[in-house]
Amino acid sequence: MSRPQIQEEAVVMLADEIERRVRPDGLAVVMQADHFCMHWRGVKDEHARMTNSVMRGAFLKDASLRREFLDLMARGAHG
């Protein structure tokens, strides 16, 4: 993002842009970001991160595909 964003809106904007350009059958976007508003205020909290996601198309219709994606995300976060 070229400017500060509300993360919930930013993940939707990113998903919209990917969908517009690629036109996939399914789309899953996960965004984890630091809360710079807290950093700007001098809060030193390593938990000042938030994760948001957007799922569309095949990821909404196919529970096994959604589960596979989420399992891969969980492994990536821990491995």
PDB file of N, CA and C in Angstrom:
ATOM      1  N   MET A   1       0.845  -1.170   0.000  1.00  0.00           N
ATOM      2  CA  MET A   1       0.000   0.000   0.000  1.00  0.00           C
ATOM      3  C   MET A   1       0.897   1.242   0.000  1.00  0.00           C
ATOM      4  N   SER A   2       0.485   2.228  -0.712  1.00  0.00           N
ATOM      5  CA  SER A   2       1.296   3.441  -0.828  1.00  0.00           C
ATOM      6  C   SER A   2       1.025   4.438   0.300  1.00  0.00           C
ATOM      7  N   ARG A   3       0.001   4.178   1.095  1.00  0.00           N
ATOM      8  CA  ARG A   3      -0.299   5.062   2.223  1.00  0.00           C
ATOM      9  C   ARG A   3      -0.898   4.211   3.339  1.00  0.00           C
ATOM     10  N   PRO A   4      -0.927   4.756   4.557  1.00  0.00           N
ATOM     11  CA  PRO A   4      -1.538   3.983   5.651  1.00  0.00           C
ATOM     12  C   PRO A   4      -2.979   3.601   5.302  1.00  0.00           C
ATOM     13  N   GLN A   5      -3.341   2.392   5.679  1.00  0.00           N
ATOM     14  CA  GLN A   5      -4.668   1.856   5.365  1.00  0.00           C
ATOM     15  C   GLN A   5      -5.262   1.214   6.607  1.00  0.00           C
ATOM     16  N   ILE A   6      -6.557   1.132   6.622  1.00  0.00           N
ATOM     17  CA  ILE A   6      -7.222   0.270   7.589  1.00  0.00           C
ATOM     18  C   ILE A   6      -7.052  -1.135   7.043  1.00  0.00           C
ATOM     19  N   GLN A   7      -6.472  -2.010   7.842  1.00  0.00           N
ATOM     20  CA  GLN A   7      -6.070  -3.320   7.333  1.00  0.00           C
ATOM     21  C   GLN A   7      -7.229  -4.120   6.759  1.00  0.00           C
ATOM     22  N   GLU A   8      -8.381  -4.048   7.391  1.00  0.00           N
ATOM     23  CA  GLU A   8      -9.534  -4.787   6.874  1.00  0.00           C
ATOM     24  C   GLU A   8      -9.888  -4.324   5.467  1.00  0.00           C
ATOM     25  N   GLU A   9      -9.731  -3.039   5.198  1.00  0.00           N
ATOM     26  CA  GLU A   9      -9.999  -2.516   3.859  1.00  0.00           C
ATOM     27  C   GLU A   9      -8.860  -2.853   2.902  1.00  0.00           C
ATOM     28  N   ALA A  10      -7.633  -2.817   3.395  1.00  0.00           N
ATOM     29  CA  ALA A  10      -6.471  -3.074   2.549  1.00  0.00           C
ATOM     30  C   ALA A  10      -6.482  -4.491   1.992  1.00  0.00           C
ATOM     31  N   VAL A  11      -6.843  -5.473   2.800  1.00  0.00           N
ATOM     32  CA  VAL A  11      -6.850  -6.857   2.323  1.00  0.00           C
ATOM     33  C   VAL A  11      -7.925  -7.053   1.258  1.00  0.00           C
ATOM     34  N   VAL A  12      -9.046  -6.366   1.395  1.00  0.00           N
ATOM     35  CA  VAL A  12     -10.110  -6.440   0.381  1.00  0.00           C
ATOM     36  C   VAL A  12      -9.656  -5.743  -0.902  1.00  0.00           C
ATOM     37  N   MET A  13      -8.998  -4.597  -0.764  1.00  0.00           N
ATOM     38  CA  MET A  13      -8.486  -3.882  -1.943  1.00  0.00           C
ATOM     39  C   MET A  13      -7.480  -4.747  -2.703  1.00  0.00           C
ATOM     40  N   LEU A  14      -6.600  -5.407  -1.973  1.00  0.00           N
ATOM     41  CA  LEU A  14      -5.608  -6.285  -2.599  1.00  0.00           C
ATOM     42  C   LEU A  14      -6.295  -7.455  -3.300  1.00  0.00           C
ATOM     43  N   ALA A  15      -7.252  -8.074  -2.641  1.00  0.00           N
ATOM     44  CA  ALA A  15      -7.986  -9.187  -3.244  1.00  0.00           C
ATOM     45  C   ALA A  15      -8.730  -8.730  -4.501  1.00  0.00           C
ATOM     46  N   ASP A  16      -9.350  -7.558  -4.440  1.00  0.00           N
ATOM     47  CA  ASP A  16     -10.054  -7.019  -5.612  1.00  0.00           C
ATOM     48  C   ASP A  16      -9.099  -6.839  -6.790  1.00  0.00           C
ATOM     49  N   GLU A  17      -7.922  -6.285  -6.520  1.00  0.00           N
ATOM     50  CA  GLU A  17      -6.952  -6.024  -7.590  1.00  0.00           C
ATOM     51  C   GLU A  17      -6.418  -7.325  -8.191  1.00  0.00           C
ATOM     52  N   ILE A  18      -6.104  -8.292  -7.351  1.00  0.00           N
ATOM     53  CA  ILE A  18      -5.631  -9.593  -7.856  1.00  0.00           C
ATOM     54  C   ILE A  18      -6.727 -10.240  -8.691  1.00  0.00           C
ATOM     55  N   GLU A  19      -7.948 -10.215  -8.177  1.00  0.00           N
ATOM     56  CA  GLU A  19      -9.072 -10.824  -8.895  1.00  0.00           C
ATOM     57  C   GLU A  19      -9.305 -10.139 -10.242  1.00  0.00           C
ATOM     58  N   ARG A  20      -9.191  -8.818 -10.266  1.00  0.00           N
ATOM     59  CA  ARG A  20      -9.399  -8.068 -11.510  1.00  0.00           C
ATOM     60  C   ARG A  20      -8.334  -8.405 -12.552  1.00  0.00           C
ATOM     61  N   ARG A  21      -7.098  -8.539 -12.105  1.00  0.00           N
ATOM     62  CA  ARG A  21      -6.004  -8.780 -13.050  1.00  0.00           C
ATOM     63  C   ARG A  21      -5.866 -10.239 -13.469  1.00  0.00           C
ATOM     64  N   VAL A  22      -6.106 -11.161 -12.548  1.00  0.00           N
ATOM     65  CA  VAL A  22      -5.833 -12.574 -12.813  1.00  0.00           C
ATOM     66  C   VAL A  22      -7.096 -13.362 -13.157  1.00  0.00           C
ATOM     67  N   ARG A  23      -8.230 -12.952 -12.619  1.00  0.00           N
ATOM     68  CA  ARG A  23      -9.507 -13.643 -12.808  1.00  0.00           C
ATOM     69  C   ARG A  23      -9.424 -15.138 -12.446  1.00  0.00           C
ATOM     70  N   PRO A  24      -9.012 -15.436 -11.214  1.00  0.00           N
ATOM     71  CA  PRO A  24      -8.871 -16.833 -10.803  1.00  0.00           C
ATOM     72  C   PRO A  24     -10.226 -17.482 -10.493  1.00  0.00           C
ATOM     73  N   ASP A  25     -10.235 -18.811 -10.470  1.00  0.00           N
ATOM     74  CA  ASP A  25     -11.433 -19.538 -10.059  1.00  0.00           C
ATOM     75  C   ASP A  25     -11.667 -19.393  -8.559  1.00  0.00           C
ATOM     76  N   GLY A  26     -10.590 -19.220  -7.837  1.00  0.00           N
ATOM     77  CA  GLY A  26     -10.664 -19.036  -6.390  1.00  0.00           C
ATOM     78  C   GLY A  26      -9.532 -18.134  -5.944  1.00  0.00           C
ATOM     79  N   LEU A  27      -9.745 -17.469  -4.837  1.00  0.00           N
ATOM     80  CA  LEU A  27      -8.748 -16.531  -4.343  1.00  0.00           C
ATOM     81  C   LEU A  27      -8.754 -16.568  -2.819  1.00  0.00           C
ATOM     82  N   ALA A  28      -7.577 -16.709  -2.234  1.00  0.00           N
ATOM     83  CA  ALA A  28      -7.424 -16.630  -0.784  1.00  0.00           C
ATOM     84  C   ALA A  28      -6.245 -15.706  -0.508  1.00  0.00           C
ATOM     85  N   VAL A  29      -6.495 -14.670   0.266  1.00  0.00           N
ATOM     86  CA  VAL A  29      -5.458 -13.704   0.618  1.00  0.00           C
ATOM     87  C   VAL A  29      -5.421 -13.602   2.136  1.00  0.00           C
ATOM     88  N   VAL A  30      -4.233 -13.726   2.694  1.00  0.00           N
ATOM     89  CA  VAL A  30      -4.035 -13.539   4.127  1.00  0.00           C
ATOM     90  C   VAL A  30      -3.020 -12.427   4.295  1.00  0.00           C
ATOM     91  N   MET A  31      -3.350 -11.454   5.114  1.00  0.00           N
ATOM     92  CA  MET A  31      -2.459 -10.318   5.329  1.00  0.00           C
ATOM     93  C   MET A  31      -2.200 -10.190   6.826  1.00  0.00           C
ATOM     94  N   GLN A  32      -0.911 -10.157   7.161  1.00  0.00           N
ATOM     95  CA  GLN A  32      -0.524  -9.890   8.540  1.00  0.00           C
ATOM     96  C   GLN A  32       0.283  -8.605   8.524  1.00  0.00           C
ATOM     97  N   ALA A  33      -0.065  -7.685   9.380  1.00  0.00           N
ATOM     98  CA  ALA A  33       0.604  -6.392   9.366  1.00  0.00           C
ATOM     99  C   ALA A  33       0.780  -5.864  10.777  1.00  0.00           C
ATOM    100  N   ASP A  34       1.817  -5.041  10.933  1.00  0.00           N
ATOM    101  CA  ASP A  34       2.040  -4.337  12.188  1.00  0.00           C
ATOM    102  C   ASP A  34       1.063  -3.176  12.286  1.00  0.00           C
ATOM    103  N   HIS A  35       0.680  -2.866  13.485  1.00  0.00           N
ATOM    104  CA  HIS A  35      -0.160  -1.704  13.727  1.00  0.00           C
ATOM    105  C   HIS A  35       0.752  -0.503  13.961  1.00  0.00           C
ATOM    106  N   PHE A  36       1.037   0.218  12.902  1.00  0.00           N
ATOM    107  CA  PHE A  36       1.940   1.351  13.019  1.00  0.00           C
ATOM    108  C   PHE A  36       1.365   2.469  13.870  1.00  0.00           C
ATOM    109  N   CYS A  37       0.042   2.534  13.979  1.00  0.00           N
ATOM    110  CA  CYS A  37      -0.528   3.563  14.853  1.00  0.00           C
ATOM    111  C   CYS A  37      -0.021   3.377  16.279  1.00  0.00           C
ATOM    112  N   MET A  38       0.170   2.126  16.681  1.00  0.00           N
ATOM    113  CA  MET A  38       0.710   1.856  18.015  1.00  0.00           C
ATOM    114  C   MET A  38       2.202   2.180  18.056  1.00  0.00           C
ATOM    115  N   HIS A  39       2.917   1.817  16.999  1.00  0.00           N
ATOM    116  CA  HIS A  39       4.353   2.107  16.951  1.00  0.00           C
ATOM    117  C   HIS A  39       4.602   3.613  16.975  1.00  0.00           C
ATOM    118  N   TRP A  40       3.778   4.356  16.223  1.00  0.00           N
ATOM    119  CA  TRP A  40       3.929   5.812  16.164  1.00  0.00           C
ATOM    120  C   TRP A  40       3.734   6.445  17.535  1.00  0.00           C
ATOM    121  N   ARG A  41       2.899   5.808  18.344  1.00  0.00           N
ATOM    122  CA  ARG A  41       2.642   6.339  19.693  1.00  0.00           C
ATOM    123  C   ARG A  41       3.689   5.857  20.701  1.00  0.00           C
ATOM    124  N   GLY A  42       4.641   5.058  20.243  1.00  0.00           N
ATOM    125  CA  GLY A  42       5.704   4.593  21.117  1.00  0.00           C
ATOM    126  C   GLY A  42       5.409   3.305  21.854  1.00  0.00           C
ATOM    127  N   VAL A  43       4.314   2.637  21.527  1.00  0.00           N
ATOM    128  CA  VAL A  43       3.980   1.371  22.166  1.00  0.00           C
ATOM    129  C   VAL A  43       4.921   0.297  21.630  1.00  0.00           C
ATOM    130  N   LYS A  44       5.618  -0.371  22.525  1.00  0.00           N
ATOM    131  CA  LYS A  44       6.546  -1.424  22.108  1.00  0.00           C
ATOM    132  C   LYS A  44       5.902  -2.760  22.476  1.00  0.00           C
ATOM    133  N   ASP A  45       5.088  -3.233  21.587  1.00  0.00           N
ATOM    134  CA  ASP A  45       4.357  -4.484  21.821  1.00  0.00           C
ATOM    135  C   ASP A  45       4.562  -5.393  20.627  1.00  0.00           C
ATOM    136  N   GLU A  46       5.226  -6.516  20.864  1.00  0.00           N
ATOM    137  CA  GLU A  46       5.467  -7.438  19.754  1.00  0.00           C
ATOM    138  C   GLU A  46       4.182  -8.120  19.278  1.00  0.00           C
ATOM    139  N   HIS A  47       3.098  -7.929  20.021  1.00  0.00           N
ATOM    140  CA  HIS A  47       1.810  -8.512  19.630  1.00  0.00           C
ATOM    141  C   HIS A  47       0.936  -7.494  18.903  1.00  0.00           C
ATOM    142  N   ALA A  48       1.539  -6.401  18.458  1.00  0.00           N
ATOM    143  CA  ALA A  48       0.784  -5.351  17.761  1.00  0.00           C
ATOM    144  C   ALA A  48       0.618  -5.704  16.287  1.00  0.00           C
ATOM    145  N   ARG A  49       0.304  -6.951  16.031  1.00  0.00           N
ATOM    146  CA  ARG A  49       0.063  -7.433  14.669  1.00  0.00           C
ATOM    147  C   ARG A  49      -1.361  -7.937  14.575  1.00  0.00           C
ATOM    148  N   MET A  50      -1.876  -7.814  13.379  1.00  0.00           N
ATOM    149  CA  MET A  50      -3.236  -8.283  13.138  1.00  0.00           C
ATOM    150  C   MET A  50      -3.235  -9.070  11.831  1.00  0.00           C
ATOM    151  N   THR A  51      -4.038 -10.106  11.775  1.00  0.00           N
ATOM    152  CA  THR A  51      -4.147 -10.922  10.569  1.00  0.00           C
ATOM    153  C   THR A  51      -5.581 -10.858  10.072  1.00  0.00           C
ATOM    154  N   ASN A  52      -5.721 -10.593   8.783  1.00  0.00           N
ATOM    155  CA  ASN A  52      -7.027 -10.571   8.126  1.00  0.00           C
ATOM    156  C   ASN A  52      -6.965 -11.455   6.891  1.00  0.00           C
ATOM    157  N   SER A  53      -8.109 -11.935   6.463  1.00  0.00           N
ATOM    158  CA  SER A  53      -8.135 -12.774   5.267  1.00  0.00           C
ATOM    159  C   SER A  53      -9.391 -12.506   4.448  1.00  0.00           C
ATOM    160  N   VAL A  54      -9.274 -12.865   3.179  1.00  0.00           N
ATOM    161  CA  VAL A  54     -10.390 -12.800   2.238  1.00  0.00           C
ATOM    162  C   VAL A  54     -10.370 -14.105   1.456  1.00  0.00           C
ATOM    163  N   MET A  55     -11.503 -14.746   1.318  1.00  0.00           N
ATOM    164  CA  MET A  55     -11.617 -15.947   0.489  1.00  0.00           C
ATOM    165  C   MET A  55     -12.797 -15.762  -0.447  1.00  0.00           C
ATOM    166  N   ARG A  56     -12.553 -16.154  -1.689  1.00  0.00           N
ATOM    167  CA  ARG A  56     -13.584 -16.011  -2.718  1.00  0.00           C
ATOM    168  C   ARG A  56     -13.591 -17.219  -3.632  1.00  0.00           C
ATOM    169  N   GLY A  57     -14.676 -17.350  -4.380  1.00  0.00           N
ATOM    170  CA  GLY A  57     -14.775 -18.386  -5.410  1.00  0.00           C
ATOM    171  C   GLY A  57     -14.622 -19.789  -4.853  1.00  0.00           C
ATOM    172  N   ALA A  58     -13.709 -20.552  -5.444  1.00  0.00           N
ATOM    173  CA  ALA A  58     -13.532 -21.961  -5.101  1.00  0.00           C
ATOM    174  C   ALA A  58     -13.221 -22.160  -3.618  1.00  0.00           C
ATOM    175  N   PHE A  59     -12.548 -21.198  -2.996  1.00  0.00           N
ATOM    176  CA  PHE A  59     -12.221 -21.345  -1.579  1.00  0.00           C
ATOM    177  C   PHE A  59     -13.455 -21.240  -0.691  1.00  0.00           C
ATOM    178  N   LEU A  60     -14.489 -20.584  -1.166  1.00  0.00           N
ATOM    179  CA  LEU A  60     -15.740 -20.515  -0.415  1.00  0.00           C
ATOM    180  C   LEU A  60     -16.622 -21.726  -0.685  1.00  0.00           C
ATOM    181  N   LYS A  61     -16.550 -22.244  -1.910  1.00  0.00           N
ATOM    182  CA  LYS A  61     -17.424 -23.342  -2.319  1.00  0.00           C
ATOM    183  C   LYS A  61     -16.896 -24.715  -1.924  1.00  0.00           C
ATOM    184  N   ASP A  62     -15.581 -24.868  -1.854  1.00  0.00           N
ATOM    185  CA  ASP A  62     -14.958 -26.175  -1.636  1.00  0.00           C
ATOM    186  C   ASP A  62     -14.284 -26.217  -0.268  1.00  0.00           C
ATOM    187  N   ALA A  63     -14.930 -26.873   0.680  1.00  0.00           N
ATOM    188  CA  ALA A  63     -14.417 -26.922   2.050  1.00  0.00           C
ATOM    189  C   ALA A  63     -13.057 -27.612   2.131  1.00  0.00           C
ATOM    190  N   SER A  64     -12.820 -28.632   1.310  1.00  0.00           N
ATOM    191  CA  SER A  64     -11.527 -29.328   1.375  1.00  0.00           C
ATOM    192  C   SER A  64     -10.401 -28.441   0.841  1.00  0.00           C
ATOM    193  N   LEU A  65     -10.668 -27.647  -0.177  1.00  0.00           N
ATOM    194  CA  LEU A  65      -9.673 -26.710  -0.694  1.00  0.00           C
ATOM    195  C   LEU A  65      -9.367 -25.637   0.359  1.00  0.00           C
ATOM    196  N   ARG A  66     -10.394 -25.130   0.997  1.00  0.00           N
ATOM    197  CA  ARG A  66     -10.229 -24.126   2.047  1.00  0.00           C
ATOM    198  C   ARG A  66      -9.416 -24.700   3.207  1.00  0.00           C
ATOM    199  N   ARG A  67      -9.724 -25.922   3.615  1.00  0.00           N
ATOM    200  CA  ARG A  67      -9.017 -26.583   4.710  1.00  0.00           C
ATOM    201  C   ARG A  67      -7.550 -26.809   4.353  1.00  0.00           C
ATOM    202  N   GLU A  68      -7.285 -27.220   3.102  1.00  0.00           N
ATOM    203  CA  GLU A  68      -5.907 -27.422   2.659  1.00  0.00           C
ATOM    204  C   GLU A  68      -5.123 -26.107   2.721  1.00  0.00           C
ATOM    205  N   PHE A  69      -5.723 -25.028   2.256  1.00  0.00           N
ATOM    206  CA  PHE A  69      -5.068 -23.719   2.296  1.00  0.00           C
ATOM    207  C   PHE A  69      -4.777 -23.310   3.735  1.00  0.00           C
ATOM    208  N   LEU A  70      -5.770 -23.432   4.603  1.00  0.00           N
ATOM    209  CA  LEU A  70      -5.579 -23.031   5.998  1.00  0.00           C
ATOM    210  C   LEU A  70      -4.548 -23.898   6.696  1.00  0.00           C
ATOM    211  N   ASP A  71      -4.501 -25.198   6.375  1.00  0.00           N
ATOM    212  CA  ASP A  71      -3.467 -26.081   6.929  1.00  0.00           C
ATOM    213  C   ASP A  71      -2.082 -25.645   6.479  1.00  0.00           C
ATOM    214  N   LEU A  72      -1.942 -25.288   5.200  1.00  0.00           N
ATOM    215  CA  LEU A  72      -0.657 -24.807   4.702  1.00  0.00           C
ATOM    216  C   LEU A  72      -0.246 -23.510   5.389  1.00  0.00           C
ATOM    217  N   MET A  73      -1.201 -22.628   5.611  1.00  0.00           N
ATOM    218  CA  MET A  73      -0.914 -21.381   6.307  1.00  0.00           C
ATOM    219  C   MET A  73      -0.460 -21.650   7.735  1.00  0.00           C
ATOM    220  N   ALA A  74      -1.129 -22.573   8.410  1.00  0.00           N
ATOM    221  CA  ALA A  74      -0.772 -22.892   9.791  1.00  0.00           C
ATOM    222  C   ALA A  74       0.625 -23.495   9.869  1.00  0.00           C
ATOM    223  N   ARG A  75       0.966 -24.373   8.916  1.00  0.00           N
ATOM    224  CA  ARG A  75       2.315 -24.968   8.900  1.00  0.00           C
ATOM    225  C   ARG A  75       3.364 -23.912   8.632  1.00  0.00           C
ATOM    226  N   GLY A  76       3.056 -22.992   7.725  1.00  0.00           N
ATOM    227  CA  GLY A  76       4.010 -21.927   7.402  1.00  0.00           C
ATOM    228  C   GLY A  76       4.247 -20.999   8.564  1.00  0.00           C
ATOM    229  N   ALA A  77       3.208 -20.787   9.359  1.00  0.00           N
ATOM    230  CA  ALA A  77       3.325 -19.891  10.508  1.00  0.00           C
ATOM    231  C   ALA A  77       4.139 -20.518  11.639  1.00  0.00           C
ATOM    232  N   HIS A  78       4.174 -21.840  11.655  1.00  0.00           N
ATOM    233  CA  HIS A  78       4.876 -22.542  12.751  1.00  0.00           C
ATOM    234  C   HIS A  78       6.163 -23.213  12.289  1.00  0.00           C
ATOM    235  N   GLY A  79       6.469 -23.156  11.014  1.00  0.00           N
ATOM    236  CA  GLY A  79       7.627 -23.913  10.559  1.00  0.00           C
ATOM    237  C   GLY A  79       8.551 -23.108   9.836  1.00  0.00           C
TER     238      GLY A  79
END
